[in-house]
Amino acid sequence: MKYRNLRAEMARAGDNNSDFGEIIGASPESVKKKLAGTTDFKLKEMKRAKKRYGGTLDYLFGEDGEP
């Protein structure tokens, strides 16, 4: 599964795709594509996610949590 740690942090915070989209400034449909790996996250989106959920970018966006 792509972005396992990001998805786990979203679940811990109770955020769905719509909530996450508001956090990073993207539509729910765009979030769905990003989480599926169809489109890439922009650096500013990744930084906003890091601010919300903590950890490192490698933790949130690395493959299975690995850099």
Protein backbone atom coordinates (compact mmCIF):
# COMPACT_ATOMS: atom_id res chain seq x y z
CA MET A 1 0.00 0.00 0.00
CA LYS A 2 1.34 3.43 -0.93
CA TYR A 3 1.78 6.04 1.81
CA ARG A 4 0.95 3.62 4.62
CA ASN A 5 2.22 5.95 7.35
CA LEU A 6 0.44 8.99 5.95
CA ARG A 7 -2.81 7.04 5.80
CA ALA A 8 -2.27 5.83 9.38
CA GLU A 9 -1.71 9.38 10.61
CA MET A 10 -4.80 10.56 8.75
CA ALA A 11 -6.83 7.83 10.45
CA ARG A 12 -5.41 8.67 13.89
CA ALA A 13 -6.42 12.29 13.38
CA GLY A 14 -9.85 11.28 12.07
CA ASP A 15 -9.20 12.94 8.70
CA ASN A 16 -10.82 11.69 5.51
CA ASN A 17 -9.77 12.66 1.96
CA SER A 18 -11.89 15.80 2.09
CA ASP A 19 -10.37 16.91 5.41
CA PHE A 20 -6.87 16.16 4.15
CA GLY A 21 -7.59 18.08 0.95
CA GLU A 22 -8.49 21.16 2.98
CA ILE A 23 -5.23 20.82 4.92
CA ILE A 24 -3.01 20.60 1.85
CA GLY A 25 -5.11 22.79 -0.46
CA ALA A 26 -6.32 20.10 -2.87
CA SER A 27 -9.68 18.69 -3.91
CA PRO A 28 -10.83 15.33 -2.55
CA GLU A 29 -10.49 13.87 -6.07
CA SER A 30 -6.93 15.15 -6.30
CA VAL A 31 -6.15 13.67 -2.87
CA LYS A 32 -7.53 10.32 -4.04
CA LYS A 33 -5.19 10.36 -7.05
CA LYS A 34 -2.21 11.42 -4.94
CA LEU A 35 -2.79 8.69 -2.35
CA ALA A 36 -3.13 6.13 -5.14
CA GLY A 37 0.19 7.28 -6.62
CA THR A 38 -1.41 8.41 -9.89
CA THR A 39 -0.21 11.97 -9.35
CA ASP A 40 2.60 13.27 -7.17
CA PHE A 41 2.38 15.39 -4.06
CA LYS A 42 3.85 18.87 -4.38
CA LEU A 43 6.48 19.84 -1.82
CA LYS A 44 4.20 22.49 -0.28
CA GLU A 45 1.47 19.85 0.17
CA MET A 46 3.95 17.50 1.80
CA LYS A 47 5.08 20.23 4.18
CA ARG A 48 1.48 21.00 5.15
CA ALA A 49 0.89 17.31 5.86
CA LYS A 50 4.06 17.19 7.97
CA LYS A 51 2.86 20.22 9.94
CA ARG A 52 -0.50 18.51 10.60
CA TYR A 53 0.72 15.00 11.42
CA GLY A 54 4.31 15.45 12.57
CA GLY A 55 7.13 13.06 11.79
CA THR A 56 9.43 13.51 8.84
CA LEU A 57 8.69 13.67 5.14
CA ASP A 58 10.47 10.33 4.79
CA TYR A 59 8.18 8.83 7.42
CA LEU A 60 4.99 10.18 5.84
CA PHE A 61 5.85 9.81 2.17
CA GLY A 62 8.52 7.10 2.03
CA GLU A 63 7.62 3.72 0.61
CA ASP A 64 6.25 1.78 3.59
CA GLY A 65 7.78 4.40 5.84
CA GLU A 66 11.27 3.90 4.41
CA PRO A 67 13.19 6.82 2.86
